[in-house]
Amino acid sequence: MRASGRLGRQGWRGVAAVAFAATAVLAVTVSRGAPEHLALTSARHPSKAHGASGAALCATSRLRISLGTGSGPGTRASAGHGSTAGASVSTLDFTNVSHAACALSGYPGVAAYGGDGAQIGNAAGRDTSVAAPRIVLAPGATARAAVLASVSAGSCRPVVATGLRVVPPGQSAARYIRHAMPACAVAGREAPVFLHVRAVQPG
């Protein structure tokens, strides 16, 4: 009886050893070729780890933002729902300068600023005359958003702004683009909104 009990205990120890070895091999297989935190992220959020459809939003640090002329989809200044008739049009170009695809969707935050870096007038309103698609930007690709400016005399108090402060959709960090332009110095609910921005469009 003692011999059979000893053999039984040894058998169970053998099974446990095999199970432990299999677990160790599995752990090495999961973590090999990628840092541990990436392996855990892949397991918890598989849609974020595979395919362009799961591309993360483009962080400000991954984008080069520049000012172009009004050309391309969604850049016409014709009157329409939410648009500003007779406005001058320029474009904000968002170029993916990283080595991985990222996504843009919606409206950038835009405001004029002065020589001291302070905001001039009201921030840009949203021109909803074009749709807001989800755009996956490959490395080196560019998407654009139209900016419409309309400055008039009177209560607007026209001044010359130093440039535009731009925050990409879904982000909080801003980029500053130097570009002398007319602006309205008056801010507040009763003041005119002299800038309007449209949703980002494919380049």
C-alpha atoms as a PDB file:
ATOM      1  CA  MET A   1       0.000   0.000   0.000  1.00  0.00           C
ATOM      2  CA  ARG A   2       2.827   2.383   0.834  1.00  0.00           C
ATOM      3  CA  ALA A   3       4.536   1.637  -2.481  1.00  0.00           C
ATOM      4  CA  SER A   4       1.365   2.252  -4.469  1.00  0.00           C
ATOM      5  CA  GLY A   5       0.739   5.515  -2.594  1.00  0.00           C
ATOM      6  CA  ARG A   6       4.284   6.639  -3.285  1.00  0.00           C
ATOM      7  CA  LEU A   7       3.875   5.829  -6.980  1.00  0.00           C
ATOM      8  CA  GLY A   8       0.585   7.769  -7.056  1.00  0.00           C
ATOM      9  CA  ARG A   9       2.181  10.853  -5.550  1.00  0.00           C
ATOM     10  CA  GLN A  10       5.076  10.638  -7.995  1.00  0.00           C
ATOM     11  CA  GLY A  11       2.574  10.348 -10.857  1.00  0.00           C
ATOM     12  CA  TRP A  12       0.764  13.490  -9.821  1.00  0.00           C
ATOM     13  CA  ARG A  13       4.084  15.326  -9.474  1.00  0.00           C
ATOM     14  CA  GLY A  14       4.936  14.271 -13.015  1.00  0.00           C
ATOM     15  CA  VAL A  15       1.646  15.601 -14.357  1.00  0.00           C
ATOM     16  CA  ALA A  16       2.156  18.906 -12.540  1.00  0.00           C
ATOM     17  CA  ALA A  17       5.693  19.221 -13.936  1.00  0.00           C
ATOM     18  CA  VAL A  18       4.452  18.655 -17.478  1.00  0.00           C
ATOM     19  CA  ALA A  19       1.687  21.235 -17.037  1.00  0.00           C
ATOM     20  CA  PHE A  20       4.157  23.798 -15.644  1.00  0.00           C
ATOM     21  CA  ALA A  21       6.541  23.230 -18.551  1.00  0.00           C
ATOM     22  CA  ALA A  22       3.719  23.679 -21.069  1.00  0.00           C
ATOM     23  CA  THR A  23       2.680  26.946 -19.392  1.00  0.00           C
ATOM     24  CA  ALA A  24       6.270  28.227 -19.506  1.00  0.00           C
ATOM     25  CA  VAL A  25       6.577  27.413 -23.208  1.00  0.00           C
ATOM     26  CA  LEU A  26       3.282  29.201 -23.915  1.00  0.00           C
ATOM     27  CA  ALA A  27       4.436  32.303 -21.999  1.00  0.00           C
ATOM     28  CA  VAL A  28       7.697  32.426 -23.945  1.00  0.00           C
ATOM     29  CA  THR A  29       5.819  31.987 -27.239  1.00  0.00           C
ATOM     30  CA  VAL A  30       3.410  34.878 -26.459  1.00  0.00           C
ATOM     31  CA  SER A  31       6.100  37.336 -25.381  1.00  0.00           C
ATOM     32  CA  ARG A  32       8.797  36.475 -27.911  1.00  0.00           C
ATOM     33  CA  GLY A  33       9.245  39.124 -30.602  1.00  0.00           C
ATOM     34  CA  ALA A  34       7.310  41.848 -28.734  1.00  0.00           C
ATOM     35  CA  PRO A  35       7.549  43.646 -25.364  1.00  0.00           C
ATOM     36  CA  GLU A  36       5.344  42.250 -22.626  1.00  0.00           C
ATOM     37  CA  HIS A  37       3.015  45.266 -22.579  1.00  0.00           C
ATOM     38  CA  LEU A  38       2.353  44.853 -26.305  1.00  0.00           C
ATOM     39  CA  ALA A  39       1.518  41.181 -25.866  1.00  0.00           C
ATOM     40  CA  LEU A  40      -0.951  42.097 -23.121  1.00  0.00           C
ATOM     41  CA  THR A  41      -2.479  44.871 -25.230  1.00  0.00           C
ATOM     42  CA  SER A  42      -2.935  42.507 -28.148  1.00  0.00           C
ATOM     43  CA  ALA A  43      -4.721  40.013 -25.952  1.00  0.00           C
ATOM     44  CA  ARG A  44      -7.051  42.557 -24.392  1.00  0.00           C
ATOM     45  CA  HIS A  45      -7.687  44.723 -27.465  1.00  0.00           C
ATOM     46  CA  PRO A  46      -7.245  42.603 -30.570  1.00  0.00           C
ATOM     47  CA  SER A  47      -8.980  45.163 -32.815  1.00  0.00           C
ATOM     48  CA  LYS A  48      -6.326  47.761 -31.941  1.00  0.00           C
ATOM     49  CA  ALA A  49      -3.439  45.432 -32.660  1.00  0.00           C
ATOM     50  CA  HIS A  50      -4.363  44.242 -36.155  1.00  0.00           C
ATOM     51  CA  GLY A  51      -5.349  45.955 -39.401  1.00  0.00           C
ATOM     52  CA  ALA A  52      -5.714  49.529 -40.594  1.00  0.00           C
ATOM     53  CA  SER A  53      -9.358  49.575 -39.481  1.00  0.00           C
ATOM     54  CA  GLY A  54      -8.123  49.545 -35.885  1.00  0.00           C
ATOM     55  CA  ALA A  55      -5.639  52.403 -36.395  1.00  0.00           C
ATOM     56  CA  ALA A  56      -5.369  54.749 -33.424  1.00  0.00           C
ATOM     57  CA  LEU A  57      -6.186  58.443 -33.752  1.00  0.00           C
ATOM     58  CA  CYS A  58      -3.344  60.539 -35.112  1.00  0.00           C
ATOM     59  CA  ALA A  59      -1.562  62.183 -32.198  1.00  0.00           C
ATOM     60  CA  THR A  60      -0.367  65.747 -32.739  1.00  0.00           C
ATOM     61  CA  SER A  61       3.240  64.542 -32.490  1.00  0.00           C
ATOM     62  CA  ARG A  62       2.675  62.212 -35.471  1.00  0.00           C
ATOM     63  CA  LEU A  63       1.436  64.977 -37.759  1.00  0.00           C
ATOM     64  CA  ARG A  64       2.965  67.780 -39.760  1.00  0.00           C
ATOM     65  CA  ILE A  65       0.373  70.556 -40.025  1.00  0.00           C
ATOM     66  CA  SER A  66       0.771  73.206 -42.690  1.00  0.00           C
ATOM     67  CA  LEU A  67      -1.356  75.831 -44.399  1.00  0.00           C
ATOM     68  CA  GLY A  68      -2.213  75.462 -48.072  1.00  0.00           C
ATOM     69  CA  THR A  69      -4.513  77.094 -50.593  1.00  0.00           C
ATOM     70  CA  GLY A  70      -8.202  76.293 -50.934  1.00  0.00           C
ATOM     71  CA  SER A  71      -8.212  73.316 -53.289  1.00  0.00           C
ATOM     72  CA  GLY A  72      -9.422  69.735 -53.065  1.00  0.00           C
ATOM     73  CA  PRO A  73     -12.578  68.110 -51.685  1.00  0.00           C
ATOM     74  CA  GLY A  74     -14.699  70.189 -49.330  1.00  0.00           C
ATOM     75  CA  THR A  75     -12.890  73.488 -49.999  1.00  0.00           C
ATOM     76  CA  ARG A  76     -15.482  75.470 -51.983  1.00  0.00           C
ATOM     77  CA  ALA A  77     -16.713  78.623 -50.263  1.00  0.00           C
ATOM     78  CA  SER A  78     -20.209  78.534 -51.730  1.00  0.00           C
ATOM     79  CA  ALA A  79     -23.114  79.179 -49.423  1.00  0.00           C
ATOM     80  CA  GLY A  80     -24.726  76.231 -47.743  1.00  0.00           C
ATOM     81  CA  HIS A  81     -25.731  74.842 -44.379  1.00  0.00           C
ATOM     82  CA  GLY A  82     -23.249  76.135 -41.842  1.00  0.00           C
ATOM     83  CA  SER A  83     -21.012  77.764 -44.461  1.00  0.00           C
ATOM     84  CA  THR A  84     -19.818  81.332 -44.793  1.00  0.00           C
ATOM     85  CA  ALA A  85     -20.644  82.947 -48.131  1.00  0.00           C
ATOM     86  CA  GLY A  86     -17.970  85.188 -49.621  1.00  0.00           C
ATOM     87  CA  ALA A  87     -15.253  83.915 -47.293  1.00  0.00           C
ATOM     88  CA  SER A  88     -11.631  83.386 -48.255  1.00  0.00           C
ATOM     89  CA  VAL A  89     -10.625  79.724 -48.103  1.00  0.00           C
ATOM     90  CA  SER A  90      -7.384  78.036 -47.146  1.00  0.00           C
ATOM     91  CA  THR A  91      -6.641  74.463 -46.131  1.00  0.00           C
ATOM     92  CA  LEU A  92      -4.977  72.850 -43.171  1.00  0.00           C
ATOM     93  CA  ASP A  93      -2.881  69.929 -44.397  1.00  0.00           C
ATOM     94  CA  PHE A  94      -2.347  67.076 -41.936  1.00  0.00           C
ATOM     95  CA  THR A  95       0.517  64.790 -43.027  1.00  0.00           C
ATOM     96  CA  ASN A  96       1.342  61.567 -41.206  1.00  0.00           C
ATOM     97  CA  VAL A  97       5.083  61.759 -40.497  1.00  0.00           C
ATOM     98  CA  SER A  98       5.193  58.595 -38.376  1.00  0.00           C
ATOM     99  CA  HIS A  99       5.995  55.052 -39.493  1.00  0.00           C
ATOM    100  CA  ALA A 100       2.523  53.636 -38.813  1.00  0.00           C
ATOM    101  CA  ALA A 101      -0.988  54.326 -40.060  1.00  0.00           C
ATOM    102  CA  CYS A 102      -3.246  56.504 -37.911  1.00  0.00           C
ATOM    103  CA  ALA A 103      -6.796  57.824 -38.211  1.00  0.00           C
ATOM    104  CA  LEU A 104      -8.387  61.269 -38.467  1.00  0.00           C
ATOM    105  CA  SER A 105     -12.090  62.005 -38.159  1.00  0.00           C
ATOM    106  CA  GLY A 106     -14.024  65.152 -37.398  1.00  0.00           C
ATOM    107  CA  TYR A 107     -13.147  68.809 -36.894  1.00  0.00           C
ATOM    108  CA  PRO A 108      -9.828  70.286 -35.842  1.00  0.00           C
ATOM    109  CA  GLY A 109      -9.859  73.038 -33.250  1.00  0.00           C
ATOM    110  CA  VAL A 110      -8.784  76.323 -34.868  1.00  0.00           C
ATOM    111  CA  ALA A 111      -8.268  79.851 -33.547  1.00  0.00           C
ATOM    112  CA  ALA A 112      -6.250  82.906 -34.570  1.00  0.00           C
ATOM    113  CA  TYR A 113      -3.459  84.099 -32.291  1.00  0.00           C
ATOM    114  CA  GLY A 114      -1.430  87.293 -31.898  1.00  0.00           C
ATOM    115  CA  GLY A 115       2.248  88.072 -31.476  1.00  0.00           C
ATOM    116  CA  ASP A 116       2.067  87.291 -27.757  1.00  0.00           C
ATOM    117  CA  GLY A 117       0.565  83.862 -28.434  1.00  0.00           C
ATOM    118  CA  ALA A 118      -2.834  84.844 -27.017  1.00  0.00           C
ATOM    119  CA  GLN A 119      -6.026  83.973 -28.887  1.00  0.00           C
ATOM    120  CA  ILE A 120      -7.611  86.692 -31.003  1.00  0.00           C
ATOM    121  CA  GLY A 121     -11.409  86.798 -31.208  1.00  0.00           C
ATOM    122  CA  ASN A 122     -13.631  83.736 -31.082  1.00  0.00           C
ATOM    123  CA  ALA A 123     -12.426  80.267 -31.960  1.00  0.00           C
ATOM    124  CA  ALA A 124     -13.542  78.857 -35.295  1.00  0.00           C
ATOM    125  CA  GLY A 125     -17.076  77.542 -35.600  1.00  0.00           C
ATOM    126  CA  ARG A 126     -17.931  74.324 -37.405  1.00  0.00           C
ATOM    127  CA  ASP A 127     -19.044  74.419 -41.002  1.00  0.00           C
ATOM    128  CA  THR A 128     -21.168  71.275 -41.373  1.00  0.00           C
ATOM    129  CA  SER A 129     -21.675  71.476 -45.139  1.00  0.00           C
ATOM    130  CA  VAL A 130     -19.480  68.410 -45.782  1.00  0.00           C
ATOM    131  CA  ALA A 131     -19.526  64.951 -44.207  1.00  0.00           C
ATOM    132  CA  ALA A 132     -16.979  63.892 -41.584  1.00  0.00           C
ATOM    133  CA  PRO A 133     -15.525  60.582 -42.796  1.00  0.00           C
ATOM    134  CA  ARG A 134     -13.038  58.427 -40.900  1.00  0.00           C
ATOM    135  CA  ILE A 135      -9.717  58.653 -42.739  1.00  0.00           C
ATOM    136  CA  VAL A 136      -6.868  56.203 -42.215  1.00  0.00           C
ATOM    137  CA  LEU A 137      -3.626  57.975 -43.066  1.00  0.00           C
ATOM    138  CA  ALA A 138      -0.774  55.791 -44.248  1.00  0.00           C
ATOM    139  CA  PRO A 139       2.745  57.029 -43.468  1.00  0.00           C
ATOM    140  CA  GLY A 140       3.407  60.053 -45.677  1.00  0.00           C
ATOM    141  CA  ALA A 141      -0.273  60.528 -46.616  1.00  0.00           C
ATOM    142  CA  THR A 142      -2.106  63.850 -46.195  1.00  0.00           C
ATOM    143  CA  ALA A 143      -5.673  64.819 -45.264  1.00  0.00           C
ATOM    144  CA  ARG A 144      -7.108  68.343 -45.453  1.00  0.00           C
ATOM    145  CA  ALA A 145      -9.579  70.565 -43.664  1.00  0.00           C
ATOM    146  CA  ALA A 146     -10.886  73.799 -45.173  1.00  0.00           C
ATOM    147  CA  VAL A 147     -10.757  76.985 -43.108  1.00  0.00           C
ATOM    148  CA  LEU A 148     -13.041  79.857 -44.145  1.00  0.00           C
ATOM    149  CA  ALA A 149     -12.312  83.394 -42.971  1.00  0.00           C
ATOM    150  CA  SER A 150     -14.687  86.356 -43.246  1.00  0.00           C
ATOM    151  CA  VAL A 151     -13.677  89.648 -41.644  1.00  0.00           C
ATOM    152  CA  SER A 152     -15.770  92.812 -41.932  1.00  0.00           C
ATOM    153  CA  ALA A 153     -15.535  96.284 -40.438  1.00  0.00           C
ATOM    154  CA  GLY A 154     -17.658  97.592 -37.598  1.00  0.00           C
ATOM    155  CA  SER A 155     -18.133  95.637 -34.391  1.00  0.00           C
ATOM    156  CA  CYS A 156     -15.577  93.074 -35.632  1.00  0.00           C
ATOM    157  CA  ARG A 157     -12.617  95.445 -34.905  1.00  0.00           C
ATOM    158  CA  PRO A 158     -10.314  94.063 -37.629  1.00  0.00           C
ATOM    159  CA  VAL A 159      -6.694  93.365 -36.703  1.00  0.00           C
ATOM    160  CA  VAL A 160      -3.874  91.341 -38.244  1.00  0.00           C
ATOM    161  CA  ALA A 161      -3.287  87.970 -36.571  1.00  0.00           C
ATOM    162  CA  THR A 162       0.113  86.282 -36.421  1.00  0.00           C
ATOM    163  CA  GLY A 163      -1.251  82.881 -37.401  1.00  0.00           C
ATOM    164  CA  LEU A 164      -3.476  79.940 -36.492  1.00  0.00           C
ATOM    165  CA  ARG A 165      -3.500  77.658 -33.483  1.00  0.00           C
ATOM    166  CA  VAL A 166      -4.537  74.163 -34.611  1.00  0.00           C
ATOM    167  CA  VAL A 167      -5.509  71.114 -32.558  1.00  0.00           C
ATOM    168  CA  PRO A 168      -6.048  67.871 -34.560  1.00  0.00           C
ATOM    169  CA  PRO A 169      -9.388  66.063 -34.055  1.00  0.00           C
ATOM    170  CA  GLY A 170      -9.536  64.160 -30.775  1.00  0.00           C
ATOM    171  CA  GLN A 171      -6.312  65.686 -29.423  1.00  0.00           C
ATOM    172  CA  SER A 172      -5.388  68.372 -26.891  1.00  0.00           C
ATOM    173  CA  ALA A 173      -1.859  69.374 -27.971  1.00  0.00           C
ATOM    174  CA  ALA A 174      -1.727  72.292 -30.418  1.00  0.00           C
ATOM    175  CA  ARG A 175       0.497  73.379 -33.261  1.00  0.00           C
ATOM    176  CA  TYR A 176       1.039  77.023 -34.213  1.00  0.00           C
ATOM    177  CA  ILE A 177       1.179  78.015 -37.882  1.00  0.00           C
ATOM    178  CA  ARG A 178       2.634  81.461 -38.587  1.00  0.00           C
ATOM    179  CA  HIS A 179       0.594  83.210 -41.252  1.00  0.00           C
ATOM    180  CA  ALA A 180      -0.335  86.887 -41.145  1.00  0.00           C
ATOM    181  CA  MET A 181      -4.071  87.187 -41.736  1.00  0.00           C
ATOM    182  CA  PRO A 182      -7.051  89.470 -41.008  1.00  0.00           C
ATOM    183  CA  ALA A 183      -8.928  88.653 -37.813  1.00  0.00           C
ATOM    184  CA  CYS A 184     -11.663  90.039 -35.574  1.00  0.00           C
ATOM    185  CA  ALA A 185     -10.357  91.233 -32.227  1.00  0.00           C
ATOM    186  CA  VAL A 186     -13.739  91.163 -30.463  1.00  0.00           C
ATOM    187  CA  ALA A 187     -14.585  87.950 -28.587  1.00  0.00           C
ATOM    188  CA  GLY A 188     -17.654  86.719 -26.739  1.00  0.00           C
ATOM    189  CA  ARG A 189     -21.200  85.581 -27.451  1.00  0.00           C
ATOM    190  CA  GLU A 190     -22.173  88.818 -29.135  1.00  0.00           C
ATOM    191  CA  ALA A 191     -19.041  88.972 -31.269  1.00  0.00           C
ATOM    192  CA  PRO A 192     -18.920  87.554 -34.816  1.00  0.00           C
ATOM    193  CA  VAL A 193     -17.344  84.170 -35.501  1.00  0.00           C
ATOM    194  CA  PHE A 194     -15.003  85.118 -38.353  1.00  0.00           C
ATOM    195  CA  LEU A 195     -13.455  81.637 -38.795  1.00  0.00           C
ATOM    196  CA  HIS A 196     -15.214  78.406 -39.749  1.00  0.00           C
ATOM    197  CA  VAL A 197     -13.605  75.012 -40.178  1.00  0.00           C
ATOM    198  CA  ARG A 198     -14.886  71.991 -42.076  1.00  0.00           C
ATOM    199  CA  ALA A 199     -14.385  68.321 -41.235  1.00  0.00           C
ATOM    200  CA  VAL A 200     -11.142  66.690 -42.344  1.00  0.00           C
ATOM    201  CA  GLN A 201     -11.326  65.223 -45.838  1.00  0.00           C
ATOM    202  CA  PRO A 202      -9.116  62.736 -47.710  1.00  0.00           C
ATOM    203  CA  GLY A 203      -6.201  64.354 -49.503  1.00  0.00           C
END
